C-alpha atoms as a PDB file:
ATOM      1  CA  MET A   1      -0.058  -0.061   0.099  1.00  0.00           C
ATOM      2  CA  THR A   2       1.446   3.538  -1.285  1.00  0.00           C
ATOM      3  CA  SER A   3       0.659   6.332   1.191  1.00  0.00           C
ATOM      4  CA  PRO A   4      -0.807   9.849  -0.603  1.00  0.00           C
ATOM      5  CA  PRO A   5       0.920  12.051  -2.372  1.00  0.00           C
ATOM      6  CA  PRO A   6       2.844  14.136  -0.009  1.00  0.00           C
ATOM      7  CA  ASN A   7       1.543  17.297  -1.252  1.00  0.00           C
ATOM      8  CA  LEU A   8      -2.154  16.310   0.048  1.00  0.00           C
ATOM      9  CA  GLU A   9      -0.999  15.223   3.740  1.00  0.00           C
ATOM     10  CA  ARG A  10      -2.807  16.335   6.765  1.00  0.00           C
ATOM     11  CA  TYR A  11      -0.933  19.006   8.809  1.00  0.00           C
ATOM     12  CA  VAL A  12      -1.496  18.161  12.728  1.00  0.00           C
ATOM     13  CA  LEU A  13      -0.200  21.063  14.665  1.00  0.00           C
ATOM     14  CA  ARG A  14      -0.315  22.603  18.229  1.00  0.00           C
ATOM     15  CA  LEU A  15       0.534  26.078  19.225  1.00  0.00           C
ATOM     16  CA  PHE A  16       1.307  26.929  22.496  1.00  0.00           C
ATOM     17  CA  VAL A  17       0.397  30.404  23.925  1.00  0.00           C
ATOM     18  CA  THR A  18       0.155  32.376  27.315  1.00  0.00           C
ATOM     19  CA  GLY A  19      -2.802  33.877  27.459  1.00  0.00           C
ATOM     20  CA  THR A  20      -4.065  36.678  25.107  1.00  0.00           C
ATOM     21  CA  THR A  21      -0.350  38.448  25.057  1.00  0.00           C
ATOM     22  CA  VAL A  22       0.530  40.700  21.833  1.00  0.00           C
ATOM     23  CA  ARG A  23       3.344  37.786  21.188  1.00  0.00           C
ATOM     24  CA  SER A  24       0.546  35.150  21.385  1.00  0.00           C
ATOM     25  CA  GLN A  25      -1.945  37.062  19.027  1.00  0.00           C
ATOM     26  CA  ARG A  26       0.123  37.156  16.850  1.00  0.00           C
ATOM     27  CA  ALA A  27       2.035  34.124  16.498  1.00  0.00           C
ATOM     28  CA  ILE A  28      -1.788  32.992  16.467  1.00  0.00           C
ATOM     29  CA  THR A  29      -2.333  35.670  13.427  1.00  0.00           C
ATOM     30  CA  ASN A  30       0.843  34.097  11.414  1.00  0.00           C
ATOM     31  CA  MET A  31       0.336  30.714  11.645  1.00  0.00           C
ATOM     32  CA  ARG A  32      -3.520  30.896  10.741  1.00  0.00           C
ATOM     33  CA  LYS A  33      -2.299  32.968   7.817  1.00  0.00           C
ATOM     34  CA  ILE A  34       0.340  30.472   7.098  1.00  0.00           C
ATOM     35  CA  CYS A  35      -2.442  27.002   6.832  1.00  0.00           C
ATOM     36  CA  GLU A  36      -4.926  29.190   5.052  1.00  0.00           C
ATOM     37  CA  GLU A  37      -2.168  30.536   1.913  1.00  0.00           C
ATOM     38  CA  ARG A  38      -0.322  27.068   2.550  1.00  0.00           C
ATOM     39  CA  LEU A  39      -2.354  24.393   4.003  1.00  0.00           C
ATOM     40  CA  GLN A  40      -6.532  25.091   2.864  1.00  0.00           C
ATOM     41  CA  GLY A  41      -8.257  22.408   3.951  1.00  0.00           C
ATOM     42  CA  ARG A  42      -5.263  19.997   5.104  1.00  0.00           C
ATOM     43  CA  TYR A  43      -4.275  21.102   8.748  1.00  0.00           C
ATOM     44  CA  ASP A  44      -5.743  20.854  11.890  1.00  0.00           C
ATOM     45  CA  LEU A  45      -4.587  24.011  14.210  1.00  0.00           C
ATOM     46  CA  GLU A  46      -5.289  23.451  17.918  1.00  0.00           C
ATOM     47  CA  VAL A  47      -4.094  26.731  19.803  1.00  0.00           C
ATOM     48  CA  ILE A  48      -3.440  25.786  23.467  1.00  0.00           C
ATOM     49  CA  ASP A  49      -3.640  28.312  26.368  1.00  0.00           C
ATOM     50  CA  VAL A  50      -0.832  27.162  28.824  1.00  0.00           C
ATOM     51  CA  TYR A  51      -2.216  28.956  31.491  1.00  0.00           C
ATOM     52  CA  GLN A  52      -5.224  27.067  30.846  1.00  0.00           C
ATOM     53  CA  ASN A  53      -4.206  23.597  29.824  1.00  0.00           C
ATOM     54  CA  PRO A  54      -0.706  23.020  31.838  1.00  0.00           C
ATOM     55  CA  ALA A  55      -0.533  19.951  31.914  1.00  0.00           C
ATOM     56  CA  ALA A  56       0.162  20.226  27.942  1.00  0.00           C
ATOM     57  CA  THR A  57       2.951  21.858  28.535  1.00  0.00           C
ATOM     58  CA  ARG A  58       4.348  18.961  30.217  1.00  0.00           C
ATOM     59  CA  GLU A  59       3.138  16.440  27.665  1.00  0.00           C
ATOM     60  CA  TYR A  60       4.793  18.382  24.667  1.00  0.00           C
ATOM     61  CA  GLN A  61       7.761  19.594  27.148  1.00  0.00           C
ATOM     62  CA  ILE A  62       7.360  23.296  26.521  1.00  0.00           C
ATOM     63  CA  VAL A  63       9.540  25.448  27.834  1.00  0.00           C
ATOM     64  CA  ALA A  64       8.825  28.958  26.051  1.00  0.00           C
ATOM     65  CA  THR A  65       5.979  30.267  23.957  1.00  0.00           C
ATOM     66  CA  PRO A  66       4.562  30.738  21.884  1.00  0.00           C
ATOM     67  CA  THR A  67       5.623  27.427  20.435  1.00  0.00           C
ATOM     68  CA  LEU A  68       4.360  25.720  17.437  1.00  0.00           C
ATOM     69  CA  ILE A  69       4.809  22.096  17.137  1.00  0.00           C
ATOM     70  CA  LYS A  70       4.120  19.947  14.294  1.00  0.00           C
ATOM     71  CA  ILE A  71       2.952  16.576  15.449  1.00  0.00           C
ATOM     72  CA  LEU A  72       1.762  15.434  11.576  1.00  0.00           C
ATOM     73  CA  PRO A  73       3.560  14.520   9.005  1.00  0.00           C
ATOM     74  CA  GLN A  74       6.527  13.172  11.177  1.00  0.00           C
ATOM     75  CA  PRO A  75       8.860  13.972  12.067  1.00  0.00           C
ATOM     76  CA  LEU A  76       7.877  15.964  15.081  1.00  0.00           C
ATOM     77  CA  ARG A  77       9.248  19.777  14.476  1.00  0.00           C
ATOM     78  CA  ARG A  78       9.122  22.672  16.709  1.00  0.00           C
ATOM     79  CA  ILE A  79       9.235  26.114  16.205  1.00  0.00           C
ATOM     80  CA  ILE A  80       9.642  28.536  18.714  1.00  0.00           C
ATOM     81  CA  GLY A  81       8.664  32.588  18.557  1.00  0.00           C
ATOM     82  CA  ASP A  82       5.521  34.338  17.145  1.00  0.00           C
ATOM     83  CA  LEU A  83       5.670  32.931  13.498  1.00  0.00           C
ATOM     84  CA  SER A  84       6.438  36.486  12.068  1.00  0.00           C
ATOM     85  CA  SER A  85       9.153  34.737   9.613  1.00  0.00           C
ATOM     86  CA  ARG A  86       7.187  33.487   7.066  1.00  0.00           C
ATOM     87  CA  GLU A  87      10.181  31.734   5.746  1.00  0.00           C
ATOM     88  CA  LYS A  88      11.318  30.126   8.855  1.00  0.00           C
ATOM     89  CA  VAL A  89       8.448  28.751   9.195  1.00  0.00           C
ATOM     90  CA  ILE A  90       7.469  27.238   6.032  1.00  0.00           C
ATOM     91  CA  SER A  91      11.134  25.552   6.021  1.00  0.00           C
ATOM     92  CA  GLY A  92      10.504  24.681   9.639  1.00  0.00           C
ATOM     93  CA  LEU A  93       6.878  23.206   8.636  1.00  0.00           C
ATOM     94  CA  ASN A  94       9.061  21.005   5.767  1.00  0.00           C
ATOM     95  CA  LEU A  95       6.517  23.160   3.181  1.00  0.00           C
ATOM     96  CA  HIS A  96       8.202  23.493  -0.395  1.00  0.00           C
ATOM     97  CA  VAL A  97       6.226  25.276  -3.441  1.00  0.00           C
ATOM     98  CA  ARG A  98       6.954  22.867  -6.607  1.00  0.00           C
ATOM     99  CA  PRO A  99       6.567  25.243  -9.550  1.00  0.00           C
ATOM    100  CA  ASP A 100       6.050  22.354 -11.891  1.00  0.00           C
ATOM    101  CA  LEU A 101       2.478  21.472 -10.548  1.00  0.00           C
ATOM    102  CA  PRO A 102      -0.739  23.234 -11.371  1.00  0.00           C
ATOM    103  CA  GLY A 103      -0.620  26.746  -9.334  1.00  0.00           C
ATOM    104  CA  GLY A 104       2.361  26.062  -7.951  1.00  0.00           C
ATOM    105  CA  ASP A 105       1.097  23.282  -5.423  1.00  0.00           C
ATOM    106  CA  LEU A 106       3.122  22.082  -2.198  1.00  0.00           C
ATOM    107  CA  ASP A 107       4.948  19.397  -1.631  1.00  0.00           C
ATOM    108  CA  ARG A 108       7.054  18.026   1.581  1.00  0.00           C
ATOM    109  CA  GLY A 109      10.595  17.456   0.809  1.00  0.00           C
END
């Protein structure tokens, strides 16, 4: 059995923030924008406020916020910061534009 083409893989993401700080809000906005532009309909983004769910910080060993964790597709990846560097986030998620596909669809690679 073969796996689906990489550009159709579903992304499971967790974004850990601390309340409604400016950095937290910026990270949420930046990540939602990147997901909608790059992963339309192929992602699950859960925003976790560490004040309201401290147990999650232990489970994922969160030491700083905001922290984005890419759970799927593997390998697990962490990106720390407000996610304002689009290139860093795209690279960290292992997303690459495929100019050979119609519309420059994305591919993992």
